[in-house]
C-alpha atoms as a PDB file:
ATOM      1  CA  MET A   1    -225.293 -89.012 -63.192  1.00  0.00           C
ATOM      2  CA  ARG A   2    -222.868 -86.889 -64.830  1.00  0.00           C
ATOM      3  CA  PHE A   3    -219.437 -85.468 -64.012  1.00  0.00           C
ATOM      4  CA  MET A   4    -217.262 -82.954 -65.211  1.00  0.00           C
ATOM      5  CA  ILE A   5    -213.344 -84.096 -64.047  1.00  0.00           C
ATOM      6  CA  LEU A   6    -211.201 -81.035 -64.189  1.00  0.00           C
ATOM      7  CA  VAL A   7    -207.511 -81.466 -64.852  1.00  0.00           C
ATOM      8  CA  LYS A   8    -206.099 -78.310 -62.783  1.00  0.00           C
ATOM      9  CA  ALA A   9    -203.370 -76.326 -64.503  1.00  0.00           C
ATOM     10  CA  THR A  10    -199.725 -76.199 -63.202  1.00  0.00           C
ATOM     11  CA  ALA A  11    -197.039 -73.713 -64.031  1.00  0.00           C
ATOM     12  CA  ASP A  12    -195.704 -76.106 -67.084  1.00  0.00           C
ATOM     13  CA  SER A  13    -199.123 -76.347 -68.445  1.00  0.00           C
ATOM     14  CA  GLU A  14    -199.619 -72.478 -68.517  1.00  0.00           C
ATOM     15  CA  ALA A  15    -196.250 -72.273 -69.910  1.00  0.00           C
ATOM     16  CA  GLY A  16    -197.194 -74.439 -72.918  1.00  0.00           C
ATOM     17  CA  VAL A  17    -195.000 -77.259 -72.065  1.00  0.00           C
ATOM     18  CA  MET A  18    -196.697 -80.372 -74.042  1.00  0.00           C
ATOM     19  CA  PRO A  19    -197.044 -84.067 -72.466  1.00  0.00           C
ATOM     20  CA  SER A  20    -194.204 -86.555 -73.299  1.00  0.00           C
ATOM     21  CA  GLU A  21    -194.938 -89.377 -76.108  1.00  0.00           C
ATOM     22  CA  GLN A  22    -195.050 -91.750 -72.500  1.00  0.00           C
ATOM     23  CA  LEU A  23    -197.911 -89.644 -71.030  1.00  0.00           C
ATOM     24  CA  LEU A  24    -199.886 -89.295 -74.230  1.00  0.00           C
ATOM     25  CA  THR A  25    -199.815 -93.134 -74.613  1.00  0.00           C
ATOM     26  CA  GLU A  26    -200.688 -93.600 -70.900  1.00  0.00           C
ATOM     27  CA  MET A  27    -203.844 -91.188 -70.896  1.00  0.00           C
ATOM     28  CA  GLY A  28    -204.560 -92.858 -74.474  1.00  0.00           C
ATOM     29  CA  ARG A  29    -204.899 -95.896 -72.610  1.00  0.00           C
ATOM     30  CA  PHE A  30    -207.022 -94.622 -69.959  1.00  0.00           C
ATOM     31  CA  ASN A  31    -209.198 -93.182 -72.314  1.00  0.00           C
ATOM     32  CA  GLU A  32    -209.864 -96.091 -73.711  1.00  0.00           C
ATOM     33  CA  GLU A  33    -210.676 -97.752 -70.694  1.00  0.00           C
ATOM     34  CA  LEU A  34    -213.145 -95.199 -70.207  1.00  0.00           C
ATOM     35  CA  VAL A  35    -214.665 -95.539 -73.614  1.00  0.00           C
ATOM     36  CA  ASN A  36    -214.743 -99.187 -73.166  1.00  0.00           C
ATOM     37  CA  ALA A  37    -216.480 -98.959 -69.682  1.00  0.00           C
ATOM     38  CA  GLY A  38    -219.066 -96.631 -71.398  1.00  0.00           C
ATOM     39  CA  LEU A  39    -218.195 -93.972 -68.898  1.00  0.00           C
ATOM     40  CA  MET A  40    -216.617 -91.282 -71.251  1.00  0.00           C
ATOM     41  CA  GLU A  41    -218.832 -88.615 -73.178  1.00  0.00           C
ATOM     42  CA  ALA A  42    -216.101 -86.151 -73.776  1.00  0.00           C
ATOM     43  CA  GLY A  43    -212.788 -85.413 -73.237  1.00  0.00           C
ATOM     44  CA  GLU A  44    -210.053 -82.462 -74.073  1.00  0.00           C
ATOM     45  CA  GLY A  45    -206.982 -80.991 -73.352  1.00  0.00           C
ATOM     46  CA  LEU A  46    -206.785 -77.098 -72.898  1.00  0.00           C
ATOM     47  CA  HIS A  47    -204.345 -74.537 -74.588  1.00  0.00           C
ATOM     48  CA  PRO A  48    -202.966 -72.249 -71.708  1.00  0.00           C
ATOM     49  CA  SER A  49    -204.747 -69.196 -70.523  1.00  0.00           C
ATOM     50  CA  SER A  50    -202.544 -66.723 -72.543  1.00  0.00           C
ATOM     51  CA  LYS A  51    -204.381 -68.025 -75.528  1.00  0.00           C
ATOM     52  CA  GLY A  52    -208.011 -67.369 -73.874  1.00  0.00           C
ATOM     53  CA  ALA A  53    -210.322 -64.515 -72.529  1.00  0.00           C
ATOM     54  CA  ARG A  54    -212.658 -63.946 -70.123  1.00  0.00           C
ATOM     55  CA  VAL A  55    -215.755 -61.844 -70.241  1.00  0.00           C
ATOM     56  CA  ARG A  56    -216.804 -60.263 -66.986  1.00  0.00           C
ATOM     57  CA  PHE A  57    -220.296 -59.266 -66.558  1.00  0.00           C
ATOM     58  CA  SER A  58    -221.397 -56.545 -64.852  1.00  0.00           C
ATOM     59  CA  GLY A  59    -224.926 -55.608 -65.008  1.00  0.00           C
ATOM     60  CA  LYS A  60    -225.369 -54.791 -68.628  1.00  0.00           C
ATOM     61  CA  ASN A  61    -221.597 -54.208 -69.266  1.00  0.00           C
ATOM     62  CA  ARG A  62    -219.165 -56.448 -70.350  1.00  0.00           C
ATOM     63  CA  LYS A  63    -215.623 -56.387 -70.156  1.00  0.00           C
ATOM     64  CA  VAL A  64    -213.030 -58.626 -72.006  1.00  0.00           C
ATOM     65  CA  ILE A  65    -209.769 -59.731 -70.094  1.00  0.00           C
ATOM     66  CA  ASP A  66    -207.107 -61.048 -72.424  1.00  0.00           C
ATOM     67  CA  GLY A  67    -204.979 -64.382 -70.693  1.00  0.00           C
ATOM     68  CA  PRO A  68    -202.835 -65.037 -69.135  1.00  0.00           C
ATOM     69  CA  PHE A  69    -204.350 -65.333 -65.849  1.00  0.00           C
ATOM     70  CA  THR A  70    -202.323 -65.124 -62.775  1.00  0.00           C
ATOM     71  CA  GLU A  71    -203.708 -67.978 -60.378  1.00  0.00           C
ATOM     72  CA  THR A  72    -202.392 -70.885 -61.948  1.00  0.00           C
ATOM     73  CA  LYS A  73    -203.691 -73.382 -59.210  1.00  0.00           C
ATOM     74  CA  GLU A  74    -207.577 -71.845 -60.319  1.00  0.00           C
ATOM     75  CA  LEU A  75    -207.227 -72.675 -63.728  1.00  0.00           C
ATOM     76  CA  ILE A  76    -208.034 -75.728 -65.830  1.00  0.00           C
ATOM     77  CA  ALA A  77    -205.592 -77.648 -68.421  1.00  0.00           C
ATOM     78  CA  GLY A  78    -208.460 -80.477 -69.640  1.00  0.00           C
ATOM     79  CA  PHE A  79    -211.271 -81.851 -68.658  1.00  0.00           C
ATOM     80  CA  TRP A  80    -213.457 -85.145 -69.217  1.00  0.00           C
ATOM     81  CA  ILE A  81    -217.517 -85.310 -68.868  1.00  0.00           C
ATOM     82  CA  TRP A  82    -218.342 -89.004 -67.394  1.00  0.00           C
ATOM     83  CA  LYS A  83    -221.333 -90.753 -66.726  1.00  0.00           C
ATOM     84  CA  CYS A  84    -220.903 -92.519 -63.542  1.00  0.00           C
ATOM     85  CA  ALA A  85    -223.388 -93.990 -61.313  1.00  0.00           C
ATOM     86  CA  SER A  86    -222.027 -91.947 -58.449  1.00  0.00           C
ATOM     87  CA  LEU A  87    -219.364 -89.645 -57.011  1.00  0.00           C
ATOM     88  CA  GLN A  88    -217.463 -92.559 -55.590  1.00  0.00           C
ATOM     89  CA  GLU A  89    -217.322 -94.337 -59.279  1.00  0.00           C
ATOM     90  CA  ALA A  90    -215.940 -91.116 -60.361  1.00  0.00           C
ATOM     91  CA  ILE A  91    -213.370 -90.879 -57.526  1.00  0.00           C
ATOM     92  CA  ASP A  92    -212.360 -94.494 -58.182  1.00  0.00           C
ATOM     93  CA  TRP A  93    -211.720 -93.834 -61.697  1.00  0.00           C
ATOM     94  CA  VAL A  94    -209.666 -90.474 -61.231  1.00  0.00           C
ATOM     95  CA  LYS A  95    -207.693 -92.601 -58.865  1.00  0.00           C
ATOM     96  CA  ARG A  96    -207.049 -94.959 -61.831  1.00  0.00           C
ATOM     97  CA  CYS A  97    -205.754 -92.119 -64.162  1.00  0.00           C
ATOM     98  CA  PRO A  98    -202.020 -91.418 -64.687  1.00  0.00           C
ATOM     99  CA  ASN A  99    -200.683 -88.491 -63.437  1.00  0.00           C
ATOM    100  CA  PRO A 100    -202.051 -85.719 -65.893  1.00  0.00           C
ATOM    101  CA  MET A 101    -198.880 -83.636 -65.693  1.00  0.00           C
ATOM    102  CA  MET A 102    -195.102 -84.227 -65.167  1.00  0.00           C
ATOM    103  CA  GLU A 103    -195.323 -83.008 -61.643  1.00  0.00           C
ATOM    104  CA  ASP A 104    -197.988 -82.801 -58.557  1.00  0.00           C
ATOM    105  CA  SER A 105    -201.148 -82.354 -60.040  1.00  0.00           C
ATOM    106  CA  GLU A 106    -204.588 -82.124 -58.872  1.00  0.00           C
ATOM    107  CA  ILE A 107    -208.107 -83.248 -60.404  1.00  0.00           C
ATOM    108  CA  GLU A 108    -211.560 -81.769 -59.632  1.00  0.00           C
ATOM    109  CA  ILE A 109    -214.718 -83.704 -59.824  1.00  0.00           C
ATOM    110  CA  ARG A 110    -217.768 -81.837 -60.211  1.00  0.00           C
ATOM    111  CA  GLN A 111    -221.490 -83.067 -60.694  1.00  0.00           C
ATOM    112  CA  ILE A 112    -223.109 -81.794 -63.620  1.00  0.00           C
ATOM    113  CA  PHE A 113    -226.843 -80.605 -62.962  1.00  0.00           C
ATOM    114  CA  ASP A 114    -229.408 -82.699 -64.583  1.00  0.00           C
ATOM    115  CA  ALA A 115    -233.029 -81.428 -65.654  1.00  0.00           C
ATOM    116  CA  GLU A 116    -234.501 -82.938 -62.138  1.00  0.00           C
ATOM    117  CA  ASP A 117    -232.288 -81.059 -60.247  1.00  0.00           C
ATOM    118  CA  PHE A 118    -233.967 -77.495 -60.935  1.00  0.00           C
ATOM    119  CA  GLY A 119    -237.494 -78.599 -59.774  1.00  0.00           C
ATOM    120  CA  GLU A 120    -240.430 -76.819 -60.503  1.00  0.00           C
ATOM    121  CA  ALA A 121    -238.734 -73.783 -61.865  1.00  0.00           C
ATOM    122  CA  LEU A 122    -237.845 -75.952 -65.096  1.00  0.00           C
ATOM    123  CA  THR A 123    -241.319 -75.493 -66.679  1.00  0.00           C
ATOM    124  CA  PRO A 124    -242.629 -77.896 -69.163  1.00  0.00           C
ATOM    125  CA  GLU A 125    -242.127 -75.124 -71.696  1.00  0.00           C
ATOM    126  CA  LEU A 126    -238.282 -75.093 -70.602  1.00  0.00           C
ATOM    127  CA  ARG A 127    -238.005 -78.656 -70.567  1.00  0.00           C
ATOM    128  CA  GLU A 128    -239.013 -78.966 -74.032  1.00  0.00           C
ATOM    129  CA  GLN A 129    -237.019 -76.345 -74.841  1.00  0.00           C
ATOM    130  CA  GLU A 130    -233.736 -78.241 -73.255  1.00  0.00           C
ATOM    131  CA  ASP A 131    -234.882 -81.593 -74.878  1.00  0.00           C
ATOM    132  CA  ARG A 132    -235.122 -79.830 -78.636  1.00  0.00           C
ATOM    133  CA  LEU A 133    -231.662 -77.899 -77.869  1.00  0.00           C
ATOM    134  CA  ARG A 134    -229.985 -81.543 -77.012  1.00  0.00           C
ATOM    135  CA  ALA A 135    -231.258 -83.141 -79.853  1.00  0.00           C
ATOM    136  CA  LYS A 136    -230.053 -80.506 -82.170  1.00  0.00           C
ATOM    137  CA  VAL A 137    -226.676 -80.667 -80.635  1.00  0.00           C
ATOM    138  CA  ALA A 138    -226.449 -84.386 -80.951  1.00  0.00           C
ATOM    139  CA  GLY A 139    -227.742 -83.997 -84.383  1.00  0.00           C
ATOM    140  CA  GLN A 140    -225.097 -81.204 -85.507  1.00  0.00           C
ATOM    141  CA  SER A 141    -222.353 -83.280 -83.705  1.00  0.00           C
ATOM    142  CA  LYS A 142    -223.311 -86.674 -86.014  1.00  0.00           C
ATOM    143  CA  ALA A 143    -223.296 -84.359 -88.996  1.00  0.00           C
ATOM    144  CA  ARG A 144    -219.579 -83.256 -88.893  1.00  0.00           C
END
């Protein structure tokens, strides 16, 4: 199973306060443990929402909304993608994580859909397309 681990934003992260050298060192150690355990597929921090945008969909219409966004508690400051045997394993790893912020913070864990989760709606043709696109993305990543 794959999981997206979402580091929730705080007022400081939204203000652009950068992590200390100590926190970067601790997170680097934790990331190394994840890689050595064969769990980590990706992980990145995100710039504050003031440097981002949202696109709102309404039928065929699209509306661009520039950041910053007001509900800090609903924003994401960073993420990982891990491959774990279960939700409990992902929880156990998150509990080992250094506090990613210099204040109280929260990390959300969400399972990523696998092809099998879509049942018959994912036809053989759609599955072939998905496999082809994943292979192409993997090839592009290696080429960089």
